[in-house]
Amino acid sequence: MKIATVREIRQDLNMRSEKELIELCLRLSKFKKENKELLTYLLYEAENEDAYIQKVQKYIEEEFSQIKTRSLFVAKKSVRKILRQCKKYIRFSKKKATEIEILLFFCSQLLDFRPSKRSTPLQNIYHQQIKMIEKSIPKLHEDLQYDYGIELEELQQRAYHYMIG
């Protein structure tokens, strides 16, 4: 079965009536949980990005508090699961500022997370996210670049003290 291109789909959707579009959206939402989550974001949360970011941050906090720290393997898997969810929430928004806010908060929680031993894989996850933040900051307005640059610097200072201390 040949899958239509985005361009073809857009052209076909432009020819559909409003009622047909609603039916297509509802049918699409029944097939995959992620489709329903995206529709929920677009319909209810896209208007208030700050509240959306706060919900995601609350989710991150709750998930980190539930991680079992005895086994580094389980801790690493749990952190990766949280990060996968964060990436999904970032994809829904498509806004660089939201991406940076969520990743900064994730990295902050990861620094506060104390497994029973130091873990190189967790440190690698942290450093990968810092690199992503550093790549995203230049794509923002100058004022936001400055503000997020300061937050990133503070986070890196905390990480430096954690690695030494």
N, C-alpha and C. Protein backbone atom coordinates (compact mmCIF):
# COMPACT_ATOMS: atom_id res chain seq x y z
N MET A 1 0.84 -1.18 0.00
CA MET A 1 0.00 0.00 0.00
C MET A 1 0.88 1.24 0.00
N LYS A 2 0.65 2.12 -0.95
CA LYS A 2 1.44 3.34 -1.07
C LYS A 2 0.87 4.41 -0.12
N ILE A 3 1.74 5.03 0.64
CA ILE A 3 1.33 6.07 1.59
C ILE A 3 1.41 7.42 0.89
N ALA A 4 0.38 8.21 1.05
CA ALA A 4 0.33 9.54 0.41
C ALA A 4 1.32 10.49 1.06
N THR A 5 1.80 11.44 0.28
CA THR A 5 2.70 12.45 0.82
C THR A 5 1.90 13.49 1.60
N VAL A 6 2.60 14.29 2.39
CA VAL A 6 1.94 15.34 3.17
C VAL A 6 1.23 16.31 2.22
N ARG A 7 1.87 16.60 1.13
CA ARG A 7 1.28 17.53 0.15
C ARG A 7 -0.05 16.99 -0.40
N GLU A 8 -0.06 15.72 -0.74
CA GLU A 8 -1.28 15.10 -1.26
C GLU A 8 -2.39 15.10 -0.19
N ILE A 9 -2.01 14.79 1.02
CA ILE A 9 -2.99 14.78 2.12
C ILE A 9 -3.55 16.18 2.34
N ARG A 10 -2.68 17.19 2.33
CA ARG A 10 -3.13 18.57 2.52
C ARG A 10 -4.12 18.97 1.43
N GLN A 11 -3.82 18.62 0.19
CA GLN A 11 -4.73 18.96 -0.92
C GLN A 11 -6.08 18.28 -0.75
N ASP A 12 -6.06 17.01 -0.36
CA ASP A 12 -7.31 16.28 -0.18
C ASP A 12 -8.11 16.85 1.00
N LEU A 13 -7.43 17.19 2.09
CA LEU A 13 -8.13 17.75 3.25
C LEU A 13 -8.78 19.10 2.91
N ASN A 14 -8.14 19.88 2.06
CA ASN A 14 -8.72 21.17 1.65
C ASN A 14 -10.02 21.00 0.89
N MET A 15 -10.21 19.85 0.28
CA MET A 15 -11.44 19.61 -0.50
C MET A 15 -12.57 19.02 0.35
N ARG A 16 -12.28 18.63 1.58
CA ARG A 16 -13.28 18.00 2.45
C ARG A 16 -14.12 19.04 3.18
N SER A 17 -15.32 18.61 3.55
CA SER A 17 -16.20 19.49 4.33
C SER A 17 -15.76 19.47 5.79
N GLU A 18 -16.29 20.41 6.56
CA GLU A 18 -15.96 20.49 7.98
C GLU A 18 -16.37 19.22 8.72
N LYS A 19 -17.55 18.71 8.38
CA LYS A 19 -18.05 17.50 9.03
C LYS A 19 -17.15 16.30 8.73
N GLU A 20 -16.69 16.19 7.50
CA GLU A 20 -15.79 15.10 7.13
C GLU A 20 -14.46 15.21 7.87
N LEU A 21 -13.96 16.43 8.02
CA LEU A 21 -12.71 16.64 8.73
C LEU A 21 -12.82 16.23 10.20
N ILE A 22 -13.95 16.56 10.82
CA ILE A 22 -14.18 16.17 12.21
C ILE A 22 -14.19 14.65 12.34
N GLU A 23 -14.88 13.99 11.42
CA GLU A 23 -14.94 12.53 11.44
C GLU A 23 -13.55 11.90 11.26
N LEU A 24 -12.76 12.47 10.36
CA LEU A 24 -11.41 11.97 10.14
C LEU A 24 -10.56 12.12 11.41
N CYS A 25 -10.66 13.27 12.07
CA CYS A 25 -9.90 13.50 13.30
C CYS A 25 -10.31 12.53 14.40
N LEU A 26 -11.59 12.32 14.55
CA LEU A 26 -12.07 11.40 15.58
C LEU A 26 -11.62 9.97 15.29
N ARG A 27 -11.68 9.61 14.03
CA ARG A 27 -11.25 8.26 13.66
C ARG A 27 -9.75 8.09 13.89
N LEU A 28 -9.00 9.11 13.56
CA LEU A 28 -7.55 9.08 13.78
C LEU A 28 -7.22 8.95 15.26
N SER A 29 -7.99 9.62 16.11
CA SER A 29 -7.72 9.60 17.55
C SER A 29 -7.98 8.22 18.17
N LYS A 30 -8.74 7.38 17.49
CA LYS A 30 -9.04 6.06 18.03
C LYS A 30 -7.93 5.05 17.79
N PHE A 31 -7.01 5.37 16.87
CA PHE A 31 -6.03 4.38 16.48
C PHE A 31 -4.78 4.34 17.34
N LYS A 32 -4.35 5.45 17.83
CA LYS A 32 -3.12 5.46 18.60
C LYS A 32 -3.25 6.46 19.74
N LYS A 33 -2.74 6.07 20.89
CA LYS A 33 -2.80 6.93 22.07
C LYS A 33 -2.12 8.27 21.79
N GLU A 34 -0.98 8.23 21.08
CA GLU A 34 -0.23 9.45 20.79
C GLU A 34 -1.05 10.44 19.94
N ASN A 35 -1.86 9.91 19.02
CA ASN A 35 -2.73 10.79 18.22
C ASN A 35 -3.73 11.51 19.12
N LYS A 36 -4.29 10.78 20.07
CA LYS A 36 -5.24 11.37 21.00
C LYS A 36 -4.56 12.41 21.89
N GLU A 37 -3.34 12.11 22.33
CA GLU A 37 -2.59 13.06 23.14
C GLU A 37 -2.28 14.34 22.37
N LEU A 38 -1.92 14.18 21.10
CA LEU A 38 -1.65 15.36 20.27
C LEU A 38 -2.91 16.19 20.07
N LEU A 39 -4.02 15.55 19.79
CA LEU A 39 -5.28 16.29 19.64
C LEU A 39 -5.66 16.99 20.94
N THR A 40 -5.43 16.35 22.07
CA THR A 40 -5.71 16.97 23.36
C THR A 40 -4.86 18.23 23.53
N TYR A 41 -3.58 18.13 23.18
CA TYR A 41 -2.72 19.31 23.27
C TYR A 41 -3.24 20.41 22.36
N LEU A 42 -3.51 20.07 21.12
CA LEU A 42 -3.92 21.09 20.14
C LEU A 42 -5.25 21.75 20.51
N LEU A 43 -6.17 20.98 21.05
CA LEU A 43 -7.50 21.51 21.36
C LEU A 43 -7.56 22.23 22.70
N TYR A 44 -6.83 21.73 23.70
CA TYR A 44 -7.03 22.23 25.06
C TYR A 44 -5.82 22.93 25.68
N GLU A 45 -4.61 22.62 25.20
CA GLU A 45 -3.44 23.13 25.91
C GLU A 45 -2.57 24.07 25.09
N ALA A 46 -2.72 24.10 23.79
CA ALA A 46 -1.86 24.93 22.94
C ALA A 46 -2.07 26.42 23.20
N GLU A 47 -3.25 26.79 23.66
CA GLU A 47 -3.55 28.20 23.91
C GLU A 47 -2.77 28.77 25.09
N ASN A 48 -2.48 27.92 26.08
CA ASN A 48 -1.77 28.37 27.27
C ASN A 48 -0.50 27.54 27.44
N GLU A 49 0.55 27.97 26.77
CA GLU A 49 1.81 27.21 26.76
C GLU A 49 2.45 27.13 28.15
N ASP A 50 2.32 28.19 28.94
CA ASP A 50 2.89 28.18 30.29
C ASP A 50 2.26 27.10 31.16
N ALA A 51 0.95 26.97 31.10
CA ALA A 51 0.26 25.93 31.87
C ALA A 51 0.68 24.54 31.38
N TYR A 52 0.86 24.40 30.08
CA TYR A 52 1.31 23.14 29.50
C TYR A 52 2.70 22.78 30.03
N ILE A 53 3.59 23.74 30.03
CA ILE A 53 4.95 23.51 30.54
C ILE A 53 4.90 23.10 32.01
N GLN A 54 4.06 23.76 32.79
CA GLN A 54 3.93 23.42 34.20
C GLN A 54 3.41 21.99 34.39
N LYS A 55 2.46 21.56 33.55
CA LYS A 55 1.96 20.18 33.64
C LYS A 55 3.07 19.18 33.34
N VAL A 56 3.85 19.49 32.32
CA VAL A 56 4.95 18.59 31.96
C VAL A 56 5.98 18.55 33.08
N GLN A 57 6.29 19.70 33.66
CA GLN A 57 7.25 19.75 34.76
C GLN A 57 6.75 18.96 35.97
N LYS A 58 5.47 19.06 36.24
CA LYS A 58 4.88 18.30 37.34
C LYS A 58 5.00 16.79 37.06
N TYR A 59 4.75 16.41 35.82
CA TYR A 59 4.90 15.01 35.42
C TYR A 59 6.34 14.54 35.65
N ILE A 60 7.30 15.35 35.22
CA ILE A 60 8.72 15.00 35.37
C ILE A 60 9.07 14.83 36.85
N GLU A 61 8.62 15.77 37.67
CA GLU A 61 8.88 15.71 39.11
C GLU A 61 8.32 14.44 39.72
N GLU A 62 7.07 14.12 39.40
CA GLU A 62 6.43 12.93 39.95
C GLU A 62 7.15 11.66 39.53
N GLU A 63 7.53 11.59 38.26
CA GLU A 63 8.20 10.39 37.76
C GLU A 63 9.58 10.21 38.41
N PHE A 64 10.32 11.30 38.56
CA PHE A 64 11.63 11.19 39.20
C PHE A 64 11.48 10.75 40.66
N SER A 65 10.43 11.20 41.32
CA SER A 65 10.26 10.83 42.73
C SER A 65 9.91 9.35 42.90
N GLN A 66 9.44 8.72 41.84
CA GLN A 66 9.05 7.31 41.93
C GLN A 66 10.13 6.33 41.48
N ILE A 67 11.26 6.84 41.01
CA ILE A 67 12.32 5.96 40.53
C ILE A 67 12.97 5.22 41.70
N LYS A 68 13.15 3.94 41.51
CA LYS A 68 13.85 3.11 42.50
C LYS A 68 15.35 3.30 42.29
N THR A 69 16.06 3.72 43.36
CA THR A 69 17.47 4.08 43.22
C THR A 69 18.43 2.93 43.54
N ARG A 70 17.94 1.81 43.97
CA ARG A 70 18.84 0.71 44.34
C ARG A 70 19.56 0.12 43.13
N SER A 71 18.85 -0.04 42.05
CA SER A 71 19.44 -0.63 40.85
C SER A 71 19.71 0.46 39.82
N LEU A 72 20.97 0.59 39.42
CA LEU A 72 21.31 1.60 38.41
C LEU A 72 20.65 1.28 37.07
N PHE A 73 20.50 -0.02 36.76
CA PHE A 73 19.87 -0.41 35.51
C PHE A 73 18.43 0.08 35.46
N VAL A 74 17.69 -0.15 36.53
CA VAL A 74 16.29 0.27 36.60
C VAL A 74 16.20 1.80 36.60
N ALA A 75 17.10 2.45 37.32
CA ALA A 75 17.11 3.92 37.36
C ALA A 75 17.35 4.49 35.97
N LYS A 76 18.32 3.94 35.26
CA LYS A 76 18.64 4.41 33.91
C LYS A 76 17.45 4.22 32.97
N LYS A 77 16.82 3.05 33.06
CA LYS A 77 15.64 2.79 32.22
C LYS A 77 14.51 3.77 32.53
N SER A 78 14.31 4.05 33.79
CA SER A 78 13.26 4.98 34.20
C SER A 78 13.55 6.40 33.71
N VAL A 79 14.80 6.82 33.81
CA VAL A 79 15.17 8.16 33.34
C VAL A 79 14.97 8.25 31.83
N ARG A 80 15.34 7.22 31.12
CA ARG A 80 15.14 7.22 29.65
C ARG A 80 13.66 7.27 29.30
N LYS A 81 12.84 6.58 30.08
CA LYS A 81 11.39 6.61 29.83
C LYS A 81 10.85 8.02 30.03
N ILE A 82 11.29 8.68 31.09
CA ILE A 82 10.86 10.07 31.34
C ILE A 82 11.31 10.96 30.19
N LEU A 83 12.53 10.78 29.74
CA LEU A 83 13.06 11.59 28.65
C LEU A 83 12.27 11.35 27.36
N ARG A 84 11.91 10.11 27.08
CA ARG A 84 11.08 9.81 25.89
C ARG A 84 9.76 10.56 25.94
N GLN A 85 9.13 10.55 27.11
CA GLN A 85 7.87 11.29 27.28
C GLN A 85 8.10 12.79 27.07
N CYS A 86 9.17 13.31 27.62
CA CYS A 86 9.49 14.73 27.46
C CYS A 86 9.64 15.08 25.99
N LYS A 87 10.34 14.24 25.25
CA LYS A 87 10.54 14.48 23.82
C LYS A 87 9.20 14.49 23.07
N LYS A 88 8.30 13.62 23.49
CA LYS A 88 6.98 13.59 22.86
C LYS A 88 6.24 14.89 23.14
N TYR A 89 6.27 15.35 24.38
CA TYR A 89 5.61 16.60 24.73
C TYR A 89 6.23 17.79 23.99
N ILE A 90 7.53 17.74 23.79
CA ILE A 90 8.21 18.79 23.04
C ILE A 90 7.76 18.76 21.58
N ARG A 91 7.65 17.58 21.01
CA ARG A 91 7.19 17.45 19.61
C ARG A 91 5.78 18.01 19.44
N PHE A 92 4.93 17.80 20.43
CA PHE A 92 3.57 18.34 20.34
C PHE A 92 3.60 19.85 20.21
N SER A 93 4.43 20.50 20.99
CA SER A 93 4.45 21.95 21.05
C SER A 93 5.12 22.59 19.85
N LYS A 94 6.23 22.05 19.41
CA LYS A 94 7.02 22.59 18.29
C LYS A 94 7.61 23.97 18.58
N LYS A 95 7.63 24.40 19.82
CA LYS A 95 8.19 25.72 20.17
C LYS A 95 9.53 25.51 20.85
N LYS A 96 10.53 26.24 20.38
CA LYS A 96 11.88 26.09 20.93
C LYS A 96 11.94 26.49 22.39
N ALA A 97 11.22 27.54 22.77
CA ALA A 97 11.23 27.98 24.17
C ALA A 97 10.66 26.88 25.07
N THR A 98 9.62 26.21 24.63
CA THR A 98 9.03 25.11 25.40
C THR A 98 10.03 23.97 25.50
N GLU A 99 10.69 23.66 24.39
CA GLU A 99 11.69 22.60 24.40
C GLU A 99 12.78 22.89 25.42
N ILE A 100 13.28 24.12 25.41
CA ILE A 100 14.36 24.49 26.33
C ILE A 100 13.89 24.43 27.78
N GLU A 101 12.69 24.96 28.04
CA GLU A 101 12.14 24.94 29.41
C GLU A 101 12.04 23.51 29.93
N ILE A 102 11.50 22.63 29.11
CA ILE A 102 11.30 21.24 29.53
C ILE A 102 12.64 20.54 29.73
N LEU A 103 13.57 20.73 28.80
CA LEU A 103 14.86 20.07 28.93
C LEU A 103 15.68 20.62 30.11
N LEU A 104 15.60 21.93 30.34
CA LEU A 104 16.29 22.50 31.50
C LEU A 104 15.74 21.89 32.80
N PHE A 105 14.42 21.78 32.87
CA PHE A 105 13.81 21.21 34.07
C PHE A 105 14.19 19.74 34.22
N PHE A 106 14.17 19.01 33.10
CA PHE A 106 14.56 17.59 33.13
C PHE A 106 15.99 17.45 33.65
N CYS A 107 16.91 18.27 33.12
CA CYS A 107 18.31 18.20 33.54
C CYS A 107 18.46 18.57 35.01
N SER A 108 17.69 19.55 35.46
CA SER A 108 17.73 19.94 36.86
C SER A 108 17.27 18.79 37.75
N GLN A 109 16.20 18.13 37.37
CA GLN A 109 15.70 16.98 38.13
C GLN A 109 16.70 15.83 38.11
N LEU A 110 17.35 15.66 36.96
CA LEU A 110 18.35 14.60 36.84
C LEU A 110 19.53 14.88 37.77
N LEU A 111 19.91 16.15 37.90
CA LEU A 111 21.00 16.49 38.84
C LEU A 111 20.59 16.24 40.28
N ASP A 112 19.33 16.53 40.61
CA ASP A 112 18.84 16.32 41.97
C ASP A 112 18.64 14.85 42.30
N PHE A 113 18.47 14.04 41.27
CA PHE A 113 18.27 12.60 41.42
C PHE A 113 19.55 11.96 41.93
N ARG A 114 19.46 11.23 43.01
CA ARG A 114 20.65 10.63 43.62
C ARG A 114 20.53 9.10 43.66
N PRO A 115 21.04 8.42 42.65
CA PRO A 115 21.05 6.96 42.73
C PRO A 115 22.08 6.51 43.78
N SER A 116 22.07 5.22 44.07
CA SER A 116 22.96 4.71 45.12
C SER A 116 24.44 4.88 44.75
N LYS A 117 24.77 4.89 43.46
CA LYS A 117 26.14 5.11 43.00
C LYS A 117 26.11 6.10 41.83
N ARG A 118 27.25 6.70 41.54
CA ARG A 118 27.34 7.56 40.36
C ARG A 118 27.22 6.70 39.11
N SER A 119 26.59 7.25 38.11
CA SER A 119 26.31 6.47 36.92
C SER A 119 26.77 7.22 35.67
N THR A 120 27.67 6.62 34.93
CA THR A 120 28.14 7.23 33.68
C THR A 120 27.00 7.34 32.66
N PRO A 121 26.16 6.33 32.49
CA PRO A 121 25.06 6.48 31.52
C PRO A 121 24.13 7.65 31.86
N LEU A 122 23.85 7.87 33.14
CA LEU A 122 23.00 9.01 33.52
C LEU A 122 23.71 10.33 33.25
N GLN A 123 25.02 10.36 33.48
CA GLN A 123 25.78 11.57 33.17
C GLN A 123 25.78 11.83 31.66
N ASN A 124 25.86 10.76 30.87
CA ASN A 124 25.81 10.91 29.42
C ASN A 124 24.47 11.45 28.95
N ILE A 125 23.39 10.96 29.55
CA ILE A 125 22.05 11.47 29.21
C ILE A 125 21.99 12.96 29.51
N TYR A 126 22.50 13.34 30.67
CA TYR A 126 22.52 14.75 31.06
C TYR A 126 23.28 15.58 30.03
N HIS A 127 24.47 15.14 29.66
CA HIS A 127 25.30 15.90 28.72
C HIS A 127 24.67 15.99 27.33
N GLN A 128 24.00 14.93 26.90
CA GLN A 128 23.31 14.97 25.60
C GLN A 128 22.21 16.03 25.60
N GLN A 129 21.47 16.11 26.69
CA GLN A 129 20.39 17.09 26.76
C GLN A 129 20.94 18.52 26.83
N ILE A 130 22.05 18.69 27.52
CA ILE A 130 22.69 20.01 27.58
C ILE A 130 23.10 20.44 26.17
N LYS A 131 23.65 19.51 25.38
CA LYS A 131 24.03 19.83 23.99
C LYS A 131 22.80 20.23 23.17
N MET A 132 21.70 19.54 23.39
CA MET A 132 20.47 19.90 22.65
C MET A 132 19.99 21.30 23.04
N ILE A 133 20.07 21.63 24.31
CA ILE A 133 19.68 22.96 24.77
C ILE A 133 20.59 24.00 24.13
N GLU A 134 21.89 23.73 24.13
CA GLU A 134 22.84 24.67 23.54
C GLU A 134 22.58 24.90 22.05
N LYS A 135 22.13 23.86 21.35
CA LYS A 135 21.81 24.01 19.91
C LYS A 135 20.52 24.80 19.71
N SER A 136 19.59 24.70 20.65
CA SER A 136 18.28 25.35 20.50
C SER A 136 18.30 26.83 20.89
N ILE A 137 19.12 27.20 21.83
CA ILE A 137 19.13 28.58 22.33
C ILE A 137 19.35 29.61 21.23
N PRO A 138 20.31 29.42 20.30
CA PRO A 138 20.53 30.45 19.27
C PRO A 138 19.33 30.66 18.33
N LYS A 139 18.38 29.77 18.34
CA LYS A 139 17.21 29.89 17.46
C LYS A 139 16.12 30.78 18.05
N LEU A 140 16.35 31.29 19.25
CA LEU A 140 15.36 32.12 19.94
C LEU A 140 15.67 33.60 19.79
N HIS A 141 14.73 34.42 20.22
CA HIS A 141 14.93 35.88 20.28
C HIS A 141 16.08 36.19 21.24
N GLU A 142 16.78 37.29 21.00
CA GLU A 142 17.96 37.66 21.79
C GLU A 142 17.70 37.70 23.29
N ASP A 143 16.58 38.28 23.69
CA ASP A 143 16.27 38.36 25.13
C ASP A 143 16.13 36.97 25.74
N LEU A 144 15.43 36.10 25.03
CA LEU A 144 15.26 34.73 25.53
C LEU A 144 16.59 33.99 25.52
N GLN A 145 17.40 34.25 24.50
CA GLN A 145 18.73 33.63 24.46
C GLN A 145 19.52 33.97 25.72
N TYR A 146 19.47 35.22 26.10
CA TYR A 146 20.20 35.67 27.29
C TYR A 146 19.66 34.99 28.54
N ASP A 147 18.32 35.01 28.72
CA ASP A 147 17.71 34.42 29.90
C ASP A 147 18.01 32.92 30.02
N TYR A 148 17.80 32.20 28.92
CA TYR A 148 18.06 30.76 28.96
C TYR A 148 19.55 30.45 29.06
N GLY A 149 20.38 31.33 28.52
CA GLY A 149 21.82 31.17 28.66
C GLY A 149 22.24 31.22 30.11
N ILE A 150 21.65 32.16 30.86
CA ILE A 150 21.95 32.27 32.30
C ILE A 150 21.48 31.01 33.03
N GLU A 151 20.25 30.55 32.74
CA GLU A 151 19.74 29.33 33.38
C GLU A 151 20.62 28.13 33.08
N LEU A 152 21.06 28.03 31.82
CA LEU A 152 21.91 26.92 31.42
C LEU A 152 23.25 26.98 32.15
N GLU A 153 23.80 28.16 32.27
CA GLU A 153 25.07 28.34 32.97
C GLU A 153 24.94 27.93 34.44
N GLU A 154 23.86 28.35 35.09
CA GLU A 154 23.64 27.98 36.49
C GLU A 154 23.52 26.47 36.64
N LEU A 155 22.82 25.85 35.71
CA LEU A 155 22.65 24.40 35.74
C LEU A 155 23.99 23.71 35.57
N GLN A 156 24.80 24.20 34.67
CA GLN A 156 26.10 23.59 34.44
C GLN A 156 27.03 23.78 35.65
N GLN A 157 26.90 24.91 36.34
CA GLN A 157 27.68 25.13 37.56
C GLN A 157 27.27 24.12 38.63
N ARG A 158 25.96 23.89 38.76
CA ARG A 158 25.47 22.89 39.72
C ARG A 158 26.02 21.51 39.36
N ALA A 159 26.02 21.20 38.07
CA ALA A 159 26.52 19.90 37.63
C ALA A 159 28.00 19.76 37.92
N TYR A 160 28.74 20.83 37.72
CA TYR A 160 30.18 20.80 37.97
C TYR A 160 30.45 20.53 39.45
N HIS A 161 29.73 21.19 40.32
CA HIS A 161 29.90 20.98 41.76
C HIS A 161 29.47 19.57 42.17
N TYR A 162 28.45 19.05 41.51
CA TYR A 162 28.00 17.68 41.81
C TYR A 162 29.06 16.67 41.38
N MET A 163 29.65 16.89 40.21
CA MET A 163 30.66 15.95 39.70
C MET A 163 31.91 15.95 40.58
N ILE A 164 32.26 17.11 41.12
CA ILE A 164 33.46 17.22 41.96
C ILE A 164 33.16 16.75 43.38
N GLY A 165 32.01 17.23 43.92
CA GLY A 165 31.69 16.99 45.32
C GLY A 165 31.29 15.64 45.68
